[in-house]
Protein backbone atom coordinates (compact mmCIF):
# COMPACT_ATOMS: atom_id res chain seq x y z
CA MET A 1 123.14 15.95 66.03
CA VAL A 2 126.34 17.95 65.94
CA GLU A 3 126.76 21.03 68.18
CA ILE A 4 129.14 23.58 66.81
CA LEU A 5 130.51 26.79 68.17
CA ASN A 6 131.38 29.93 66.08
CA ARG A 7 134.77 31.16 67.25
CA LEU A 8 134.55 34.36 65.25
CA ARG A 9 133.69 37.80 66.59
CA GLN A 10 131.10 38.23 63.91
CA PRO A 11 128.09 36.22 62.76
CA LEU A 12 128.63 33.38 60.39
CA VAL A 13 126.29 31.85 57.72
CA LEU A 14 126.92 28.27 56.76
CA ASN A 15 125.56 27.15 53.38
CA LEU A 16 124.75 23.49 53.95
CA ASN A 17 124.55 20.72 51.43
CA ASP A 18 120.76 20.23 51.72
CA GLY A 19 120.14 23.70 50.26
CA THR A 20 119.55 25.42 53.60
CA SER A 21 121.72 27.89 55.52
CA LYS A 22 122.50 28.12 59.22
CA HIS A 23 123.03 31.53 60.87
CA ILE A 24 125.31 31.49 63.90
CA LEU A 25 125.80 34.55 66.06
CA ALA A 26 129.21 35.74 67.09
CA LYS A 27 130.61 33.33 69.68
CA GLY A 28 127.28 31.46 69.35
CA LYS A 29 126.36 27.77 69.36
CA ALA A 30 124.18 25.91 66.87
CA GLU A 31 123.07 22.33 66.17
CA ILE A 32 123.16 20.72 62.76
CA THR A 33 122.49 17.13 61.66
CA SER A 34 125.19 14.64 60.81
CA GLU A 35 124.36 14.92 57.08
CA GLN A 36 124.65 18.75 57.22
CA PHE A 37 127.98 18.32 59.00
CA LYS A 38 129.35 16.61 55.85
CA SER A 39 128.90 19.75 53.73
CA ARG A 40 131.92 21.33 52.06
CA GLU A 41 131.55 24.70 53.71
CA VAL A 42 131.46 23.22 57.21
CA LYS A 43 134.61 21.27 56.55
CA ALA A 44 136.33 24.41 55.22
CA HIS A 45 135.43 26.43 58.40
CA LEU A 46 136.63 23.58 60.58
CA GLU A 47 140.01 23.56 58.81
CA LYS A 48 140.34 27.34 59.21
CA GLY A 49 139.46 27.10 62.90
CA ASN A 50 136.40 29.41 62.57
CA ILE A 51 134.11 26.76 64.09
CA ILE A 52 134.75 23.87 66.49
CA VAL A 53 132.71 20.79 67.35
CA LEU A 54 131.42 20.74 70.90
CA LYS A 55 129.26 17.60 70.81
CA MET A 56 128.75 14.82 68.23
CA ASN A 57 126.00 12.26 68.74
């Protein structure tokens, strides 16, 4: 499991590679699987600094 933090002041919706989406509140935390972490949109938000990884198991 990967715990991520939304650094934005607004909610964020991540479209994951398994066809699901993850809603994260402003400044909120969420857990996703390691397979979902590999999705293109997660990588793009990481590069922009919109989300950060808190824990990776």
